[in-house]
Amino acid sequence: MKTTSKLLVGAVLLFSAMATGCNKDSSQPTQPQPNLIKPGIHAGGISLASLGQSAFSLWTTCGTAPYNISGTNGICVPVGNCSSSVDAAQESSGQTATGLQFNGCFKGGTSASGYSEEAVFLCDNVTQWNGDEMGFVKTLNDNTLKAYVQGGGNYYTSVISTGDNGYHTFKAQCRSSSNADMVDFYVDGTYKCTLTNTAGHYWNNYDYFVGTNHWSGGSNPTGQQIEMYNMTTY
């Protein structure tokens, strides 16, 4: 686990942002989904970078730290069982990107209180954590997985599933350069929804791939964790 001062400052700021209303929690508004035609394949769907374990810094504020899953290219980010625990696998150096994909799972539960959650996402600000973000978030008080986008002070979600702790392929992809405020979401290659944030921009940002969780209280979260394999940006 790397615990440089920069990462520790980032951890504090990440928790602060989550605790003061920028967190990806169930109290945030969901975005109604219109009848949309499944997006076609575009240039943004070409894989640009495959991210191995060495591309990530693994850190925690307390409790069980994230770790590389032996014999695979995967990373596990377990939920810590201590007050205000934040755990993360954070890409050390970013890249210009329009989307992300990974195989894995969000193993959650319903025992949490407060703003406890798991999330995997691309973000362009790993200092204040208040920039443009797109990805997936699971709230741990109801075990519900959502697609989400953040940017320009806005935050939108759409429910994907509830109670599913299984392994899937997750993908979030900005629609196109001319629709830079729209993000399409897929699970196992099946189109799920599109989120639009007119205050956000998700095409060709300099992004970092992050898998993180935080725990703010409740019953013991043992076994709740994120697993990420075959991490890819587009």
Protein backbone atom coordinates (compact mmCIF):
# COMPACT_ATOMS: atom_id res chain seq x y z
CA MET A 1 0.00 0.00 0.00
CA LYS A 2 1.34 3.42 -0.92
CA THR A 3 0.70 6.11 1.65
CA THR A 4 2.45 9.18 0.24
CA SER A 5 1.35 12.56 1.55
CA LYS A 6 -0.36 13.31 -1.76
CA LEU A 7 -2.48 10.17 -1.52
CA LEU A 8 -3.34 10.76 2.10
CA VAL A 9 -4.43 14.31 1.32
CA GLY A 10 -6.48 12.87 -1.53
CA ALA A 11 -8.08 10.38 0.85
CA VAL A 12 -9.09 13.13 3.25
CA LEU A 13 -10.50 15.26 0.45
CA LEU A 14 -12.31 12.28 -1.06
CA PHE A 15 -14.02 11.50 2.23
CA SER A 16 -14.77 15.17 2.82
CA ALA A 17 -16.40 15.51 -0.58
CA MET A 18 -18.47 12.38 0.01
CA ALA A 19 -19.56 13.48 3.47
CA THR A 20 -20.67 16.96 2.40
CA GLY A 21 -23.09 16.12 -0.37
CA CYS A 22 -20.96 15.24 -3.39
CA ASN A 23 -21.11 11.59 -2.47
CA LYS A 24 -22.71 9.02 -4.75
CA ASP A 25 -25.59 8.08 -2.46
CA SER A 26 -29.22 7.10 -2.72
CA SER A 27 -30.40 10.55 -1.68
CA GLN A 28 -29.21 11.97 -4.99
CA PRO A 29 -31.75 12.43 -7.81
CA THR A 30 -32.24 9.77 -10.42
CA GLN A 31 -32.63 10.72 -14.05
CA PRO A 32 -35.73 9.43 -15.84
CA GLN A 33 -34.90 7.40 -18.92
CA PRO A 34 -36.62 8.23 -22.21
CA ASN A 35 -37.19 5.67 -24.94
CA LEU A 36 -33.74 5.60 -26.48
CA ILE A 37 -32.34 3.75 -29.44
CA LYS A 38 -29.31 1.70 -28.47
CA PRO A 39 -26.21 3.73 -29.43
CA GLY A 40 -24.20 2.55 -32.37
CA ILE A 41 -20.50 1.69 -32.26
CA HIS A 42 -18.29 4.72 -32.73
CA ALA A 43 -14.59 5.55 -32.65
CA GLY A 44 -14.68 6.02 -28.88
CA GLY A 45 -15.22 2.27 -28.53
CA ILE A 46 -11.66 1.45 -29.59
CA SER A 47 -9.63 0.29 -26.61
CA LEU A 48 -6.78 2.69 -25.82
CA ALA A 49 -5.26 1.32 -22.63
CA SER A 50 -5.30 -1.93 -20.69
CA LEU A 51 -4.48 -1.19 -17.06
CA GLY A 52 -2.61 -3.76 -15.01
CA GLN A 53 -2.22 -3.94 -11.26
CA SER A 54 0.94 -1.84 -11.36
CA ALA A 55 -1.04 1.10 -12.78
CA PHE A 56 -2.83 1.60 -9.45
CA SER A 57 -1.92 2.98 -6.06
CA LEU A 58 -3.71 1.07 -3.27
CA TRP A 59 -4.55 2.95 -0.09
CA THR A 60 -6.87 3.07 2.90
CA THR A 61 -7.60 5.51 5.71
CA CYS A 62 -8.18 2.66 8.18
CA GLY A 63 -9.08 -1.01 8.26
CA THR A 64 -8.41 -3.58 5.53
CA ALA A 65 -6.41 -2.20 2.60
CA PRO A 66 -7.08 -2.99 -1.08
CA TYR A 67 -4.86 -5.71 -2.52
CA ASN A 68 -3.85 -7.32 -5.79
CA ILE A 69 -5.63 -10.62 -6.41
CA SER A 70 -2.88 -13.20 -6.78
CA GLY A 71 -2.66 -15.08 -10.06
CA THR A 72 -4.87 -12.58 -11.91
CA ASN A 73 -4.71 -9.03 -13.20
CA GLY A 74 -7.40 -8.05 -10.70
CA ILE A 75 -7.67 -5.84 -7.64
CA CYS A 76 -9.94 -6.26 -4.60
CA VAL A 77 -11.15 -3.21 -2.67
CA PRO A 78 -12.82 -4.51 0.52
CA VAL A 79 -15.14 -2.36 2.58
CA GLY A 80 -13.44 -1.29 5.79
CA ASN A 81 -15.19 -1.80 9.13
CA CYS A 82 -14.11 1.33 10.94
CA SER A 83 -15.61 4.78 11.27
CA SER A 84 -15.16 6.93 8.16
CA SER A 85 -13.17 4.26 6.31
CA VAL A 86 -12.16 5.12 2.73
CA ASP A 87 -10.39 2.50 0.60
CA ALA A 88 -9.27 2.93 -3.00
CA ALA A 89 -7.42 1.55 -5.98
CA GLN A 90 -6.52 4.78 -7.74
CA GLU A 91 -4.77 4.95 -11.09
CA SER A 92 -1.40 6.63 -10.53
CA SER A 93 -1.13 8.27 -13.96
CA GLY A 94 -4.15 9.07 -16.05
CA GLN A 95 -4.80 9.22 -19.79
CA THR A 96 -7.09 10.92 -22.25
CA ALA A 97 -10.23 8.78 -22.36
CA THR A 98 -13.87 8.62 -23.35
CA GLY A 99 -14.94 5.56 -21.36
CA LEU A 100 -14.04 2.59 -19.17
CA GLN A 101 -14.69 -1.13 -18.98
CA PHE A 102 -13.87 -3.87 -16.46
CA ASN A 103 -14.95 -7.36 -15.45
CA GLY A 104 -15.83 -7.87 -11.83
CA CYS A 105 -18.42 -7.44 -9.13
CA PHE A 106 -19.88 -5.11 -6.55
CA LYS A 107 -20.47 -7.33 -3.52
CA GLY A 108 -22.76 -5.31 -1.28
CA GLY A 109 -25.40 -5.60 1.38
CA THR A 110 -28.14 -3.75 3.24
CA SER A 111 -26.52 -3.39 6.64
CA ALA A 112 -24.96 0.06 6.20
CA SER A 113 -26.06 3.35 7.64
CA GLY A 114 -25.28 6.80 6.33
CA TYR A 115 -23.53 7.25 3.01
CA SER A 116 -21.75 3.92 2.65
CA GLU A 117 -21.08 2.86 -0.93
CA GLU A 118 -18.82 1.22 -3.52
CA ALA A 119 -17.94 2.89 -6.82
CA VAL A 120 -15.84 2.37 -9.96
CA PHE A 121 -15.48 5.38 -12.22
CA LEU A 122 -13.38 7.69 -14.41
CA CYS A 123 -12.68 11.14 -13.01
CA ASP A 124 -10.68 14.14 -14.12
CA ASN A 125 -10.03 15.58 -10.66
CA VAL A 126 -8.31 13.47 -7.99
CA THR A 127 -7.55 16.46 -5.76
CA GLN A 128 -10.96 17.89 -4.84
CA TRP A 129 -12.99 15.02 -6.39
CA ASN A 130 -15.53 17.50 -7.73
CA GLY A 131 -14.88 17.31 -11.47
CA ASP A 132 -16.43 15.32 -14.30
CA GLU A 133 -17.02 11.67 -13.39
CA MET A 134 -18.80 8.73 -14.98
CA GLY A 135 -19.18 5.19 -13.72
CA PHE A 136 -21.05 2.85 -11.42
CA VAL A 137 -21.97 3.17 -7.75
CA LYS A 138 -23.58 0.70 -5.32
CA THR A 139 -25.24 1.99 -2.15
CA LEU A 140 -24.75 -0.35 0.80
CA ASN A 141 -27.95 0.39 2.70
CA ASP A 142 -30.05 -1.16 -0.10
CA ASN A 143 -27.53 -3.12 -2.25
CA THR A 144 -28.58 -1.16 -5.33
CA LEU A 145 -26.24 -0.57 -8.27
CA LYS A 146 -26.63 2.62 -10.29
CA ALA A 147 -25.07 4.27 -13.30
CA TYR A 148 -23.94 7.80 -12.47
CA VAL A 149 -22.47 10.97 -13.91
CA GLN A 150 -21.13 13.99 -12.07
CA GLY A 151 -20.00 17.40 -13.29
CA GLY A 152 -20.61 21.10 -13.06
CA GLY A 153 -22.24 20.74 -9.67
CA ASN A 154 -24.74 18.17 -10.95
CA TYR A 155 -25.09 14.50 -10.10
CA TYR A 156 -27.42 12.05 -11.86
CA THR A 157 -28.06 8.33 -11.41
CA SER A 158 -30.13 5.56 -12.93
CA VAL A 159 -30.81 2.24 -11.20
CA ILE A 160 -29.34 -0.83 -12.93
CA SER A 161 -30.02 -3.63 -10.43
CA THR A 162 -30.71 -4.45 -6.80
CA GLY A 163 -29.30 -7.40 -4.87
CA ASP A 164 -26.96 -8.56 -7.64
CA ASN A 165 -23.52 -9.41 -6.24
CA GLY A 166 -22.47 -11.44 -9.27
CA TYR A 167 -19.69 -11.03 -11.79
CA HIS A 168 -20.34 -9.00 -14.93
CA THR A 169 -18.67 -6.83 -17.55
CA PHE A 170 -19.36 -3.16 -16.86
CA LYS A 171 -18.87 -0.39 -19.41
CA ALA A 172 -19.48 3.38 -19.40
CA GLN A 173 -18.86 5.23 -22.67
CA CYS A 174 -19.30 8.88 -23.65
CA ARG A 175 -21.61 9.02 -26.66
CA SER A 176 -19.41 11.07 -29.06
CA SER A 177 -17.44 14.31 -29.44
CA SER A 178 -20.65 16.06 -30.50
CA ASN A 179 -22.56 14.55 -27.55
CA ALA A 180 -19.88 15.06 -24.92
CA ASP A 181 -22.49 15.48 -22.17
CA MET A 182 -24.03 12.04 -22.72
CA VAL A 183 -22.78 8.72 -21.30
CA ASP A 184 -24.08 5.27 -22.31
CA PHE A 185 -23.94 2.37 -19.85
CA TYR A 186 -23.71 -1.37 -20.57
CA VAL A 187 -23.64 -4.57 -18.49
CA ASP A 188 -22.46 -7.77 -20.18
CA GLY A 189 -22.67 -5.98 -23.53
CA THR A 190 -26.34 -5.09 -23.03
CA TYR A 191 -27.27 -1.42 -23.19
CA LYS A 192 -28.82 -0.28 -19.88
CA CYS A 193 -29.28 3.49 -19.97
CA THR A 194 -27.97 6.88 -21.02
CA LEU A 195 -27.34 9.74 -18.60
CA THR A 196 -27.10 13.34 -19.80
CA ASN A 197 -25.52 16.16 -17.82
CA THR A 198 -25.50 19.42 -19.77
CA ALA A 199 -23.05 20.87 -17.23
CA GLY A 200 -20.62 17.98 -17.70
CA HIS A 201 -18.08 17.01 -20.37
CA TYR A 202 -16.94 13.39 -20.74
CA TRP A 203 -15.19 13.19 -24.13
CA ASN A 204 -11.38 13.12 -24.19
CA ASN A 205 -10.89 14.35 -20.63
CA TYR A 206 -7.62 13.48 -18.91
CA ASP A 207 -9.09 10.83 -16.63
CA TYR A 208 -8.06 8.51 -13.81
CA PHE A 209 -9.58 5.06 -13.29
CA VAL A 210 -10.67 4.63 -9.66
CA GLY A 211 -12.30 1.87 -7.62
CA THR A 212 -13.24 2.99 -4.12
CA ASN A 213 -15.60 2.51 -1.22
CA HIS A 214 -16.35 4.23 2.04
CA TRP A 215 -18.09 3.08 5.18
CA SER A 216 -19.86 5.41 7.58
CA GLY A 217 -21.40 2.87 9.95
CA GLY A 218 -23.80 -0.02 10.35
CA SER A 219 -23.48 -3.76 10.86
CA ASN A 220 -20.27 -5.60 10.03
CA PRO A 221 -19.62 -5.37 6.23
CA THR A 222 -17.39 -8.47 6.05
CA GLY A 223 -17.47 -9.88 2.51
CA GLN A 224 -18.59 -6.63 0.92
CA GLN A 225 -16.06 -5.54 -1.68
CA ILE A 226 -15.30 -4.48 -5.23
CA GLU A 227 -13.38 -6.80 -7.53
CA MET A 228 -12.00 -5.39 -10.77
CA TYR A 229 -10.33 -7.38 -13.57
CA ASN A 230 -9.25 -6.47 -17.12
CA MET A 231 -9.48 -2.76 -16.47
CA THR A 232 -9.58 -0.82 -19.76
CA THR A 233 -10.04 2.76 -20.88
CA TYR A 234 -11.27 3.97 -24.28
